[in-house]
Amino acid sequence: MHKLRVLLRRVFIENVTIKVVALLVTLLLFYFVREGKQDAKTLALDIELSIPRGVVQTNEIARQVQVKIAGPKAMVDTLSEESVGPLSIDLSPFGIGASTLFLHQEMFPNIPSGVSIASIRPSYIAVRIEKEVSRVLPVTPILKGQVAHGYRIDRYTLSDREATLIGPTSLVDRTDYLETAPIDISGATKTRVREVPIRLPAPSTRLSTTEPIAVTVHIVEEVIERTLEGVPVGAPGVDGAEVEPREVTVTLKGPLRLVEPLKPADLKARVALDPAQVKVGHQRTVVVLDGLPTGVVQVGEPPKVTLVVEPGGRPGGRRGGAKGEGADARGGQPAPDQGK
């Protein structure tokens, strides 16, 4: 036990000054060795442009710049994109036209002294600045697809037929109209109303308002005229009558979906005479159509035919006299008494 106390005394009490100095020297050496170790890394910094009023930047530039920094490891490790960036560029000093700005370390004020920039990519930024102007332009709706067969676009209306475009002179001056976002009318059979935004002709342009506009596309049935040949004509209620010619040509008008599929055999054509007014011989008469689909009408001059009823026929009844009941089949006179 005595020997242990002597040992501890020698370790912690004897030569205290020398031991404290040695500890300090060790710490200093550790610090300088650690601080003296160099390191490097690359930061991707966003680019932010400050654009003065009345002008607009019209060309595309890089969205980020790659900055390689180097220095003592302890300092480099503390730096990040958030602490160093973004790269802010004020365009106020630049005039109208194209300019080139070379990048250097002084443009990154958040990089501390002791840390240097080894490289910057890209090393420069080219910008083009134009005067900003405005112009009122007509708006044209853009339609996508086709309406259903048998229908057509009659017209379209817009809640706002004009809009104000703001942007660089070179773009605004050569723009004659603005377009809406596409409006799908595929298979439409009735009027459609859509609220759609107005599309910008270029990213460097803007509108005085961002409100969408209402576009009404008026869709109606397509009406056609169609001529059908070879329509058979009859004389209902008139026995033994002949119609000359037996077939006629007619013109119909109505919705395409109804008129297009019609065939001559589908039509019921007849003479326009009342059977009670038909006489023996030849009578000129017009032809009428019965049973047309609702919405389909006959147009143009109605065709004419000749109704022929031969003697011995019965207009409005059966052909020839009725047999029996005392009638002679040859002439309709009473038959002679066979018992006389």
C-alpha atoms as a PDB file:
ATOM      1  CA  MET A   1       0.000   0.000   0.000  1.00  0.00           C
ATOM      2  CA  HIS A   2       2.821   2.336   0.875  1.00  0.00           C
ATOM      3  CA  LYS A   3       4.463   1.682  -2.487  1.00  0.00           C
ATOM      4  CA  LEU A   4       1.162   2.502  -4.303  1.00  0.00           C
ATOM      5  CA  ARG A   5       0.847   5.841  -2.517  1.00  0.00           C
ATOM      6  CA  VAL A   6       4.420   6.702  -3.439  1.00  0.00           C
ATOM      7  CA  LEU A   7       3.719   5.841  -7.105  1.00  0.00           C
ATOM      8  CA  LEU A   8       0.563   7.958  -7.283  1.00  0.00           C
ATOM      9  CA  ARG A   9       2.338  10.851  -5.634  1.00  0.00           C
ATOM     10  CA  ARG A  10       5.078  10.714  -8.214  1.00  0.00           C
ATOM     11  CA  VAL A  11       2.523  10.577 -11.062  1.00  0.00           C
ATOM     12  CA  PHE A  12       0.195  13.419 -10.019  1.00  0.00           C
ATOM     13  CA  ILE A  13       2.178  15.689  -7.711  1.00  0.00           C
ATOM     14  CA  GLU A  14       5.827  15.597  -8.605  1.00  0.00           C
ATOM     15  CA  ASN A  15       6.930  17.692 -11.614  1.00  0.00           C
ATOM     16  CA  VAL A  16       3.414  19.127 -12.107  1.00  0.00           C
ATOM     17  CA  THR A  17       4.612  22.084 -14.177  1.00  0.00           C
ATOM     18  CA  ILE A  18       6.472  19.928 -16.623  1.00  0.00           C
ATOM     19  CA  LYS A  19       3.489  17.657 -17.029  1.00  0.00           C
ATOM     20  CA  VAL A  20       1.041  20.571 -17.670  1.00  0.00           C
ATOM     21  CA  VAL A  21       3.329  22.009 -20.291  1.00  0.00           C
ATOM     22  CA  ALA A  22       3.548  18.650 -22.013  1.00  0.00           C
ATOM     23  CA  LEU A  23      -0.240  18.344 -22.107  1.00  0.00           C
ATOM     24  CA  LEU A  24      -0.599  21.796 -23.663  1.00  0.00           C
ATOM     25  CA  VAL A  25       1.996  21.024 -26.284  1.00  0.00           C
ATOM     26  CA  THR A  26       0.165  17.816 -27.155  1.00  0.00           C
ATOM     27  CA  LEU A  27      -3.150  19.645 -27.569  1.00  0.00           C
ATOM     28  CA  LEU A  28      -1.589  22.314 -29.740  1.00  0.00           C
ATOM     29  CA  LEU A  29       0.027  19.731 -31.947  1.00  0.00           C
ATOM     30  CA  PHE A  30      -3.284  17.909 -32.337  1.00  0.00           C
ATOM     31  CA  TYR A  31      -5.043  21.147 -33.262  1.00  0.00           C
ATOM     32  CA  PHE A  32      -2.493  22.218 -35.859  1.00  0.00           C
ATOM     33  CA  VAL A  33      -2.303  18.774 -37.381  1.00  0.00           C
ATOM     34  CA  ARG A  34      -6.072  18.603 -37.643  1.00  0.00           C
ATOM     35  CA  GLU A  35      -6.419  22.152 -38.971  1.00  0.00           C
ATOM     36  CA  GLY A  36      -3.613  21.657 -41.376  1.00  0.00           C
ATOM     37  CA  LYS A  37      -5.385  18.808 -43.193  1.00  0.00           C
ATOM     38  CA  GLN A  38      -6.841  20.123 -46.458  1.00  0.00           C
ATOM     39  CA  ASP A  39     -10.103  19.019 -48.120  1.00  0.00           C
ATOM     40  CA  ALA A  40     -12.305  19.976 -51.107  1.00  0.00           C
ATOM     41  CA  LYS A  41     -15.883  19.478 -52.259  1.00  0.00           C
ATOM     42  CA  THR A  42     -18.274  20.735 -54.934  1.00  0.00           C
ATOM     43  CA  LEU A  43     -21.463  22.631 -54.165  1.00  0.00           C
ATOM     44  CA  ALA A  44     -24.394  22.970 -56.614  1.00  0.00           C
ATOM     45  CA  LEU A  45     -25.733  26.504 -56.088  1.00  0.00           C
ATOM     46  CA  ASP A  46     -28.965  27.839 -57.593  1.00  0.00           C
ATOM     47  CA  ILE A  47     -28.749  30.958 -59.775  1.00  0.00           C
ATOM     48  CA  GLU A  48     -31.188  33.776 -59.000  1.00  0.00           C
ATOM     49  CA  LEU A  49     -31.503  36.769 -61.324  1.00  0.00           C
ATOM     50  CA  SER A  50     -32.706  40.141 -60.075  1.00  0.00           C
ATOM     51  CA  ILE A  51     -34.431  41.782 -63.067  1.00  0.00           C
ATOM     52  CA  PRO A  52     -35.261  45.512 -62.927  1.00  0.00           C
ATOM     53  CA  ARG A  53     -38.701  46.807 -63.895  1.00  0.00           C
ATOM     54  CA  GLY A  54     -39.388  47.577 -67.527  1.00  0.00           C
ATOM     55  CA  VAL A  55     -37.054  44.955 -68.966  1.00  0.00           C
ATOM     56  CA  VAL A  56     -37.130  41.177 -69.361  1.00  0.00           C
ATOM     57  CA  GLN A  57     -34.429  38.529 -69.682  1.00  0.00           C
ATOM     58  CA  THR A  58     -35.172  36.534 -72.844  1.00  0.00           C
ATOM     59  CA  ASN A  59     -32.544  33.801 -73.199  1.00  0.00           C
ATOM     60  CA  GLU A  60     -32.206  30.527 -71.319  1.00  0.00           C
ATOM     61  CA  ILE A  61     -29.356  30.256 -68.824  1.00  0.00           C
ATOM     62  CA  ALA A  62     -28.071  27.521 -66.535  1.00  0.00           C
ATOM     63  CA  ARG A  63     -30.206  26.999 -63.448  1.00  0.00           C
ATOM     64  CA  GLN A  64     -27.224  26.064 -61.254  1.00  0.00           C
ATOM     65  CA  VAL A  65     -23.514  26.693 -60.984  1.00  0.00           C
ATOM     66  CA  GLN A  66     -21.028  24.061 -59.756  1.00  0.00           C
ATOM     67  CA  VAL A  67     -18.577  25.613 -57.279  1.00  0.00           C
ATOM     68  CA  LYS A  68     -15.571  23.589 -56.050  1.00  0.00           C
ATOM     69  CA  ILE A  69     -14.227  24.873 -52.726  1.00  0.00           C
ATOM     70  CA  ALA A  70     -10.980  23.918 -50.981  1.00  0.00           C
ATOM     71  CA  GLY A  71      -9.486  24.628 -47.560  1.00  0.00           C
ATOM     72  CA  PRO A  72      -9.010  23.207 -44.106  1.00  0.00           C
ATOM     73  CA  LYS A  73     -11.172  20.166 -43.636  1.00  0.00           C
ATOM     74  CA  ALA A  74     -12.790  21.522 -40.467  1.00  0.00           C
ATOM     75  CA  MET A  75     -14.012  24.609 -42.355  1.00  0.00           C
ATOM     76  CA  VAL A  76     -14.954  22.849 -45.583  1.00  0.00           C
ATOM     77  CA  ASP A  77     -17.069  20.335 -43.694  1.00  0.00           C
ATOM     78  CA  THR A  78     -19.252  23.131 -42.282  1.00  0.00           C
ATOM     79  CA  LEU A  79     -20.162  24.561 -45.688  1.00  0.00           C
ATOM     80  CA  SER A  80     -23.233  23.458 -47.682  1.00  0.00           C
ATOM     81  CA  GLU A  81     -25.460  24.659 -50.512  1.00  0.00           C
ATOM     82  CA  GLU A  82     -27.812  26.262 -48.000  1.00  0.00           C
ATOM     83  CA  SER A  83     -25.070  28.156 -46.166  1.00  0.00           C
ATOM     84  CA  VAL A  84     -23.182  29.337 -49.271  1.00  0.00           C
ATOM     85  CA  GLY A  85     -25.884  29.869 -51.905  1.00  0.00           C
ATOM     86  CA  PRO A  86     -27.768  30.868 -53.878  1.00  0.00           C
ATOM     87  CA  LEU A  87     -25.791  32.864 -56.429  1.00  0.00           C
ATOM     88  CA  SER A  88     -27.659  36.179 -56.764  1.00  0.00           C
ATOM     89  CA  ILE A  89     -27.032  38.294 -59.876  1.00  0.00           C
ATOM     90  CA  ASP A  90     -28.388  41.837 -60.252  1.00  0.00           C
ATOM     91  CA  LEU A  91     -29.081  42.712 -63.893  1.00  0.00           C
ATOM     92  CA  SER A  92     -29.558  46.443 -63.207  1.00  0.00           C
ATOM     93  CA  PRO A  93     -26.087  47.417 -64.466  1.00  0.00           C
ATOM     94  CA  PHE A  94     -26.645  45.697 -67.800  1.00  0.00           C
ATOM     95  CA  GLY A  95     -28.162  47.540 -70.740  1.00  0.00           C
ATOM     96  CA  ILE A  96     -30.538  46.386 -73.465  1.00  0.00           C
ATOM     97  CA  GLY A  97     -28.993  43.623 -75.565  1.00  0.00           C
ATOM     98  CA  ALA A  98     -26.600  40.730 -74.899  1.00  0.00           C
ATOM     99  CA  SER A  99     -24.088  40.749 -72.042  1.00  0.00           C
ATOM    100  CA  THR A 100     -21.568  38.297 -70.588  1.00  0.00           C
ATOM    101  CA  LEU A 101     -20.907  38.053 -66.857  1.00  0.00           C
ATOM    102  CA  PHE A 102     -17.785  36.187 -65.672  1.00  0.00           C
ATOM    103  CA  LEU A 103     -18.084  34.517 -62.260  1.00  0.00           C
ATOM    104  CA  HIS A 104     -15.477  34.966 -59.510  1.00  0.00           C
ATOM    105  CA  GLN A 105     -15.007  34.340 -55.788  1.00  0.00           C
ATOM    106  CA  GLU A 106     -16.190  37.801 -54.698  1.00  0.00           C
ATOM    107  CA  MET A 107     -19.668  36.904 -55.960  1.00  0.00           C
ATOM    108  CA  PHE A 108     -19.956  34.308 -53.165  1.00  0.00           C
ATOM    109  CA  PRO A 109     -19.856  36.395 -49.964  1.00  0.00           C
ATOM    110  CA  ASN A 110     -20.869  33.481 -47.715  1.00  0.00           C
ATOM    111  CA  ILE A 111     -17.617  31.589 -48.328  1.00  0.00           C
ATOM    112  CA  PRO A 112     -15.361  32.386 -45.342  1.00  0.00           C
ATOM    113  CA  SER A 113     -11.760  33.519 -45.553  1.00  0.00           C
ATOM    114  CA  GLY A 114      -9.414  30.608 -45.478  1.00  0.00           C
ATOM    115  CA  VAL A 115     -11.553  28.712 -47.981  1.00  0.00           C
ATOM    116  CA  SER A 116     -10.871  29.273 -51.669  1.00  0.00           C
ATOM    117  CA  ILE A 117     -12.777  28.490 -54.848  1.00  0.00           C
ATOM    118  CA  ALA A 118     -10.883  26.004 -56.973  1.00  0.00           C
ATOM    119  CA  SER A 119     -13.241  26.116 -59.972  1.00  0.00           C
ATOM    120  CA  ILE A 120     -16.612  27.477 -61.161  1.00  0.00           C
ATOM    121  CA  ARG A 121     -18.670  25.769 -63.870  1.00  0.00           C
ATOM    122  CA  PRO A 122     -19.927  27.422 -65.956  1.00  0.00           C
ATOM    123  CA  SER A 123     -17.344  30.148 -65.573  1.00  0.00           C
ATOM    124  CA  TYR A 124     -19.581  32.816 -67.126  1.00  0.00           C
ATOM    125  CA  ILE A 125     -23.248  33.568 -67.790  1.00  0.00           C
ATOM    126  CA  ALA A 126     -24.551  35.166 -70.999  1.00  0.00           C
ATOM    127  CA  VAL A 127     -27.803  37.111 -70.683  1.00  0.00           C
ATOM    128  CA  ARG A 128     -29.936  38.959 -73.200  1.00  0.00           C
ATOM    129  CA  ILE A 129     -32.178  41.774 -72.032  1.00  0.00           C
ATOM    130  CA  GLU A 130     -35.037  43.396 -73.961  1.00  0.00           C
ATOM    131  CA  LYS A 131     -37.478  46.157 -73.270  1.00  0.00           C
ATOM    132  CA  GLU A 132     -40.829  44.913 -71.933  1.00  0.00           C
ATOM    133  CA  VAL A 133     -43.988  45.993 -73.824  1.00  0.00           C
ATOM    134  CA  SER A 134     -47.691  45.081 -73.775  1.00  0.00           C
ATOM    135  CA  ARG A 135     -50.247  44.458 -76.535  1.00  0.00           C
ATOM    136  CA  VAL A 136     -53.944  43.542 -76.670  1.00  0.00           C
ATOM    137  CA  LEU A 137     -54.458  40.439 -78.827  1.00  0.00           C
ATOM    138  CA  PRO A 138     -57.467  38.349 -79.917  1.00  0.00           C
ATOM    139  CA  VAL A 139     -57.934  34.931 -78.317  1.00  0.00           C
ATOM    140  CA  THR A 140     -58.574  31.828 -80.442  1.00  0.00           C
ATOM    141  CA  PRO A 141     -59.844  28.574 -78.904  1.00  0.00           C
ATOM    142  CA  ILE A 142     -57.972  25.385 -79.800  1.00  0.00           C
ATOM    143  CA  LEU A 143     -60.269  22.398 -80.390  1.00  0.00           C
ATOM    144  CA  LYS A 144     -59.077  18.795 -80.114  1.00  0.00           C
ATOM    145  CA  GLY A 145     -60.781  15.817 -81.768  1.00  0.00           C
ATOM    146  CA  GLN A 146     -63.856  15.521 -83.987  1.00  0.00           C
ATOM    147  CA  VAL A 147     -67.536  15.826 -83.141  1.00  0.00           C
ATOM    148  CA  ALA A 148     -69.761  12.783 -83.638  1.00  0.00           C
ATOM    149  CA  HIS A 149     -70.712  11.774 -87.181  1.00  0.00           C
ATOM    150  CA  GLY A 150     -73.737  13.753 -88.300  1.00  0.00           C
ATOM    151  CA  TYR A 151     -72.882  16.806 -86.193  1.00  0.00           C
ATOM    152  CA  ARG A 152     -70.856  19.957 -86.834  1.00  0.00           C
ATOM    153  CA  ILE A 153     -69.527  23.024 -85.048  1.00  0.00           C
ATOM    154  CA  ASP A 154     -71.864  25.912 -85.722  1.00  0.00           C
ATOM    155  CA  ARG A 155     -69.828  28.584 -83.896  1.00  0.00           C
ATOM    156  CA  TYR A 156     -67.973  29.288 -80.655  1.00  0.00           C
ATOM    157  CA  THR A 157     -68.178  32.122 -78.160  1.00  0.00           C
ATOM    158  CA  LEU A 158     -65.702  33.336 -75.531  1.00  0.00           C
ATOM    159  CA  SER A 159     -66.254  35.192 -72.278  1.00  0.00           C
ATOM    160  CA  ASP A 160     -63.210  37.336 -73.199  1.00  0.00           C
ATOM    161  CA  ARG A 161     -62.283  37.646 -76.829  1.00  0.00           C
ATOM    162  CA  GLU A 162     -59.083  39.606 -76.093  1.00  0.00           C
ATOM    163  CA  ALA A 163     -56.192  39.464 -73.614  1.00  0.00           C
ATOM    164  CA  THR A 164     -53.164  41.643 -72.880  1.00  0.00           C
ATOM    165  CA  LEU A 165     -49.786  40.017 -73.549  1.00  0.00           C
ATOM    166  CA  ILE A 166     -46.726  41.411 -71.744  1.00  0.00           C
ATOM    167  CA  GLY A 167     -43.191  40.489 -72.722  1.00  0.00           C
ATOM    168  CA  PRO A 168     -40.076  41.337 -74.746  1.00  0.00           C
ATOM    169  CA  THR A 169     -40.537  43.492 -77.808  1.00  0.00           C
ATOM    170  CA  SER A 170     -39.262  40.857 -80.247  1.00  0.00           C
ATOM    171  CA  LEU A 171     -41.888  38.327 -79.132  1.00  0.00           C
ATOM    172  CA  VAL A 172     -44.879  40.580 -78.540  1.00  0.00           C
ATOM    173  CA  ASP A 173     -44.520  42.386 -81.874  1.00  0.00           C
ATOM    174  CA  ARG A 174     -44.603  39.173 -83.905  1.00  0.00           C
ATOM    175  CA  THR A 175     -47.500  37.570 -82.017  1.00  0.00           C
ATOM    176  CA  ASP A 176     -50.828  38.103 -83.814  1.00  0.00           C
ATOM    177  CA  TYR A 177     -53.159  36.109 -81.536  1.00  0.00           C
ATOM    178  CA  LEU A 178     -53.257  33.999 -78.392  1.00  0.00           C
ATOM    179  CA  GLU A 179     -54.433  30.396 -78.083  1.00  0.00           C
ATOM    180  CA  THR A 180     -56.338  28.640 -75.325  1.00  0.00           C
ATOM    181  CA  ALA A 181     -55.426  25.285 -73.877  1.00  0.00           C
ATOM    182  CA  PRO A 182     -56.950  22.463 -76.019  1.00  0.00           C
ATOM    183  CA  ILE A 183     -60.679  21.767 -75.623  1.00  0.00           C
ATOM    184  CA  ASP A 184     -61.630  18.130 -76.285  1.00  0.00           C
ATOM    185  CA  ILE A 185     -64.755  17.780 -78.464  1.00  0.00           C
ATOM    186  CA  SER A 186     -64.255  14.133 -79.449  1.00  0.00           C
ATOM    187  CA  GLY A 187     -67.613  12.458 -80.121  1.00  0.00           C
ATOM    188  CA  ALA A 188     -69.603  15.502 -78.973  1.00  0.00           C
ATOM    189  CA  THR A 189     -73.300  15.680 -79.929  1.00  0.00           C
ATOM    190  CA  LYS A 190     -74.262  18.822 -78.005  1.00  0.00           C
ATOM    191  CA  THR A 191     -72.879  22.200 -77.051  1.00  0.00           C
ATOM    192  CA  ARG A 192     -69.897  22.144 -74.673  1.00  0.00           C
ATOM    193  CA  VAL A 193     -68.777  24.838 -72.212  1.00  0.00           C
ATOM    194  CA  ARG A 194     -65.249  24.749 -70.791  1.00  0.00           C
ATOM    195  CA  GLU A 195     -63.112  27.092 -68.669  1.00  0.00           C
ATOM    196  CA  VAL A 196     -59.548  27.012 -69.977  1.00  0.00           C
ATOM    197  CA  PRO A 197     -56.369  29.063 -69.479  1.00  0.00           C
ATOM    198  CA  ILE A 198     -54.684  31.062 -72.216  1.00  0.00           C
ATOM    199  CA  ARG A 199     -51.357  29.603 -73.326  1.00  0.00           C
ATOM    200  CA  LEU A 200     -48.247  31.800 -73.325  1.00  0.00           C
ATOM    201  CA  PRO A 201     -46.276  31.972 -76.591  1.00  0.00           C
ATOM    202  CA  ALA A 202     -42.953  31.870 -74.659  1.00  0.00           C
ATOM    203  CA  PRO A 203     -41.710  31.532 -71.050  1.00  0.00           C
ATOM    204  CA  SER A 204     -40.515  35.150 -71.078  1.00  0.00           C
ATOM    205  CA  THR A 205     -44.076  36.433 -71.629  1.00  0.00           C
ATOM    206  CA  ARG A 206     -47.003  36.829 -69.251  1.00  0.00           C
ATOM    207  CA  LEU A 207     -50.627  37.959 -69.250  1.00  0.00           C
ATOM    208  CA  SER A 208     -52.166  40.917 -67.475  1.00  0.00           C
ATOM    209  CA  THR A 209     -54.536  38.441 -65.795  1.00  0.00           C
ATOM    210  CA  THR A 210     -54.262  34.750 -65.004  1.00  0.00           C
ATOM    211  CA  GLU A 211     -58.017  34.118 -64.890  1.00  0.00           C
ATOM    212  CA  PRO A 212     -59.264  31.364 -67.268  1.00  0.00           C
ATOM    213  CA  ILE A 213     -61.841  32.193 -69.915  1.00  0.00           C
ATOM    214  CA  ALA A 214     -65.100  30.383 -70.646  1.00  0.00           C
ATOM    215  CA  VAL A 215     -65.380  28.939 -74.152  1.00  0.00           C
ATOM    216  CA  THR A 216     -68.741  27.749 -75.497  1.00  0.00           C
ATOM    217  CA  VAL A 217     -68.576  25.448 -78.526  1.00  0.00           C
ATOM    218  CA  HIS A 218     -72.009  25.356 -80.182  1.00  0.00           C
ATOM    219  CA  ILE A 219     -72.567  21.938 -81.780  1.00  0.00           C
ATOM    220  CA  VAL A 220     -75.595  21.244 -84.001  1.00  0.00           C
ATOM    221  CA  GLU A 221     -76.815  18.425 -86.209  1.00  0.00           C
ATOM    222  CA  GLU A 222     -75.534  18.491 -89.758  1.00  0.00           C
ATOM    223  CA  VAL A 223     -78.380  18.977 -92.262  1.00  0.00           C
ATOM    224  CA  ILE A 224     -77.957  17.652 -95.791  1.00  0.00           C
ATOM    225  CA  GLU A 225     -79.913  17.384 -99.032  1.00  0.00           C
ATOM    226  CA  ARG A 226     -79.916  14.052-100.812  1.00  0.00           C
ATOM    227  CA  THR A 227     -81.461  12.915-104.102  1.00  0.00           C
ATOM    228  CA  LEU A 228     -82.769   9.354-104.351  1.00  0.00           C
ATOM    229  CA  GLU A 229     -83.543   7.739-107.684  1.00  0.00           C
ATOM    230  CA  GLY A 230     -85.745   4.751-108.375  1.00  0.00           C
ATOM    231  CA  VAL A 231     -88.407   5.425-105.729  1.00  0.00           C
ATOM    232  CA  PRO A 232     -91.427   3.174-106.563  1.00  0.00           C
ATOM    233  CA  VAL A 233     -94.817   4.942-106.892  1.00  0.00           C
ATOM    234  CA  GLY A 234     -98.163   3.333-106.152  1.00  0.00           C
ATOM    235  CA  ALA A 235    -101.842   4.248-106.383  1.00  0.00           C
ATOM    236  CA  PRO A 236    -103.394   2.763-103.238  1.00  0.00           C
ATOM    237  CA  GLY A 237    -107.181   2.357-103.355  1.00  0.00           C
ATOM    238  CA  VAL A 238    -107.393   2.401-107.163  1.00  0.00           C
ATOM    239  CA  ASP A 239    -107.795  -1.116-108.551  1.00  0.00           C
ATOM    240  CA  GLY A 240    -106.380  -1.850-111.963  1.00  0.00           C
ATOM    241  CA  ALA A 241    -104.514   1.475-112.214  1.00  0.00           C
ATOM    242  CA  GLU A 242    -101.117   1.861-113.846  1.00  0.00           C
ATOM    243  CA  VAL A 243     -98.602   4.553-112.931  1.00  0.00           C
ATOM    244  CA  GLU A 244     -96.280   5.913-115.596  1.00  0.00           C
ATOM    245  CA  PRO A 245     -93.425   6.079-114.863  1.00  0.00           C
ATOM    246  CA  ARG A 246     -93.435   3.558-112.065  1.00  0.00           C
ATOM    247  CA  GLU A 247     -90.352   5.070-110.362  1.00  0.00           C
ATOM    248  CA  VAL A 248     -89.449   8.678-109.646  1.00  0.00           C
ATOM    249  CA  THR A 249     -86.570  10.755-108.279  1.00  0.00           C
ATOM    250  CA  VAL A 250     -87.068  12.774-105.082  1.00  0.00           C
ATOM    251  CA  THR A 251     -84.881  15.161-103.051  1.00  0.00           C
ATOM    252  CA  LEU A 252     -84.931  15.035 -99.256  1.00  0.00           C
ATOM    253  CA  LYS A 253     -83.554  17.413 -96.648  1.00  0.00           C
ATOM    254  CA  GLY A 254     -82.918  16.711 -92.983  1.00  0.00           C
ATOM    255  CA  PRO A 255     -80.398  15.591 -90.344  1.00  0.00           C
ATOM    256  CA  LEU A 256     -77.561  13.594 -91.844  1.00  0.00           C
ATOM    257  CA  ARG A 257     -78.070  10.727 -89.397  1.00  0.00           C
ATOM    258  CA  LEU A 258     -81.639  10.290 -90.723  1.00  0.00           C
ATOM    259  CA  VAL A 259     -81.248  11.092 -94.412  1.00  0.00           C
ATOM    260  CA  GLU A 260     -77.985   9.275 -95.095  1.00  0.00           C
ATOM    261  CA  PRO A 261     -79.195   5.683 -94.423  1.00  0.00           C
ATOM    262  CA  LEU A 262     -82.463   6.005 -96.424  1.00  0.00           C
ATOM    263  CA  LYS A 263     -82.936   3.775 -99.493  1.00  0.00           C
ATOM    264  CA  PRO A 264     -85.516   4.153-102.290  1.00  0.00           C
ATOM    265  CA  ALA A 265     -87.409   1.085-101.021  1.00  0.00           C
ATOM    266  CA  ASP A 266     -87.768   2.754 -97.598  1.00  0.00           C
ATOM    267  CA  LEU A 267     -89.955   5.523 -99.033  1.00  0.00           C
ATOM    268  CA  LYS A 268     -93.715   5.321 -99.518  1.00  0.00           C
ATOM    269  CA  ALA A 269     -94.540   7.294-102.652  1.00  0.00           C
ATOM    270  CA  ARG A 270     -98.085   7.601-104.013  1.00  0.00           C
ATOM    271  CA  VAL A 271    -100.169   9.666-106.393  1.00  0.00           C
ATOM    272  CA  ALA A 272    -101.759  12.712-104.804  1.00  0.00           C
ATOM    273  CA  LEU A 273    -105.285  11.850-106.026  1.00  0.00           C
ATOM    274  CA  ASP A 274    -108.158  10.880-103.788  1.00  0.00           C
ATOM    275  CA  PRO A 275    -109.353   7.452-105.023  1.00  0.00           C
ATOM    276  CA  ALA A 276    -112.905   8.797-105.115  1.00  0.00           C
ATOM    277  CA  GLN A 277    -111.853  11.447-107.654  1.00  0.00           C
ATOM    278  CA  VAL A 278    -110.047   9.099-110.008  1.00  0.00           C
ATOM    279  CA  LYS A 279    -111.597   8.813-113.490  1.00  0.00           C
ATOM    280  CA  VAL A 280    -111.157   6.323-116.274  1.00  0.00           C
ATOM    281  CA  GLY A 281    -108.403   7.390-118.620  1.00  0.00           C
ATOM    282  CA  HIS A 282    -105.206   9.338-118.101  1.00  0.00           C
ATOM    283  CA  GLN A 283    -104.724  11.813-115.261  1.00  0.00           C
ATOM    284  CA  ARG A 284    -101.592  13.831-114.584  1.00  0.00           C
ATOM    285  CA  THR A 285    -100.776  14.104-110.865  1.00  0.00           C
ATOM    286  CA  VAL A 286     -97.955  14.851-108.483  1.00  0.00           C
ATOM    287  CA  VAL A 287     -96.322  12.329-106.173  1.00  0.00           C
ATOM    288  CA  VAL A 288     -96.321  12.680-102.407  1.00  0.00           C
ATOM    289  CA  LEU A 289     -94.256  10.860 -99.788  1.00  0.00           C
ATOM    290  CA  ASP A 290     -95.759   9.388 -96.650  1.00  0.00           C
ATOM    291  CA  GLY A 291     -94.082   8.322 -93.422  1.00  0.00           C
ATOM    292  CA  LEU A 292     -90.872  10.343 -93.657  1.00  0.00           C
ATOM    293  CA  PRO A 293     -88.802  10.402 -90.433  1.00  0.00           C
ATOM    294  CA  THR A 294     -89.517  13.371 -88.192  1.00  0.00           C
ATOM    295  CA  GLY A 295     -87.325  16.266 -89.293  1.00  0.00           C
ATOM    296  CA  VAL A 296     -86.962  15.025 -92.891  1.00  0.00           C
ATOM    297  CA  VAL A 297     -88.846  16.878 -95.624  1.00  0.00           C
ATOM    298  CA  GLN A 298     -89.171  16.676 -99.376  1.00  0.00           C
ATOM    299  CA  VAL A 299     -87.700  19.690-101.183  1.00  0.00           C
ATOM    300  CA  GLY A 300     -87.702  20.956-104.731  1.00  0.00           C
ATOM    301  CA  GLU A 301     -90.328  20.430-107.408  1.00  0.00           C
ATOM    302  CA  PRO A 302     -92.387  17.335-106.619  1.00  0.00           C
ATOM    303  CA  PRO A 303     -92.217  14.669-109.360  1.00  0.00           C
ATOM    304  CA  LYS A 304     -95.253  14.074-111.576  1.00  0.00           C
ATOM    305  CA  VAL A 305     -96.648  10.837-112.977  1.00  0.00           C
ATOM    306  CA  THR A 306     -99.591   9.780-115.126  1.00  0.00           C
ATOM    307  CA  LEU A 307    -102.300   7.589-113.582  1.00  0.00           C
ATOM    308  CA  VAL A 308    -103.880   5.334-116.196  1.00  0.00           C
ATOM    309  CA  VAL A 309    -107.234   3.629-115.530  1.00  0.00           C
ATOM    310  CA  GLU A 310    -108.446   1.476-118.406  1.00  0.00           C
ATOM    311  CA  PRO A 311    -112.188   1.190-119.272  1.00  0.00           C
ATOM    312  CA  GLY A 312    -113.642  -1.723-117.373  1.00  0.00           C
ATOM    313  CA  GLY A 313    -111.567  -0.895-114.316  1.00  0.00           C
ATOM    314  CA  ARG A 314    -113.152   0.670-111.272  1.00  0.00           C
ATOM    315  CA  PRO A 315    -111.510   3.766-109.891  1.00  0.00           C
ATOM    316  CA  GLY A 316    -111.630   3.521-106.169  1.00  0.00           C
ATOM    317  CA  GLY A 317    -112.737  -0.169-106.221  1.00  0.00           C
ATOM    318  CA  ARG A 318    -112.085  -3.578-107.762  1.00  0.00           C
ATOM    319  CA  ARG A 319    -111.261  -3.934-111.406  1.00  0.00           C
ATOM    320  CA  GLY A 320    -114.341  -5.088-113.498  1.00  0.00           C
ATOM    321  CA  GLY A 321    -117.906  -5.617-112.277  1.00  0.00           C
ATOM    322  CA  ALA A 322    -118.732  -7.875-109.428  1.00  0.00           C
ATOM    323  CA  LYS A 323    -119.721 -11.387-110.439  1.00  0.00           C
ATOM    324  CA  GLY A 324    -123.060 -12.921-109.246  1.00  0.00           C
ATOM    325  CA  GLU A 325    -125.910 -10.911-107.835  1.00  0.00           C
ATOM    326  CA  GLY A 326    -127.450 -10.818-111.402  1.00  0.00           C
ATOM    327  CA  ALA A 327    -124.491  -9.188-113.044  1.00  0.00           C
ATOM    328  CA  ASP A 328    -123.034 -10.417-116.317  1.00  0.00           C
ATOM    329  CA  ALA A 329    -119.363 -10.805-116.105  1.00  0.00           C
ATOM    330  CA  ARG A 330    -118.950  -9.534-119.654  1.00  0.00           C
ATOM    331  CA  GLY A 331    -120.748  -6.216-119.420  1.00  0.00           C
ATOM    332  CA  GLY A 332    -122.349  -5.791-116.066  1.00  0.00           C
ATOM    333  CA  GLN A 333    -125.939  -6.156-117.486  1.00  0.00           C
ATOM    334  CA  PRO A 334    -128.524  -8.436-115.805  1.00  0.00           C
ATOM    335  CA  ALA A 335    -128.296 -12.026-117.074  1.00  0.00           C
ATOM    336  CA  PRO A 336    -131.271 -13.271-119.235  1.00  0.00           C
ATOM    337  CA  ASP A 337    -133.934 -15.455-117.623  1.00  0.00           C
ATOM    338  CA  GLN A 338    -132.917 -19.021-118.564  1.00  0.00           C
ATOM    339  CA  GLY A 339    -136.481 -20.348-117.960  1.00  0.00           C
ATOM    340  CA  LYS A 340    -138.160 -18.317-120.756  1.00  0.00           C
END
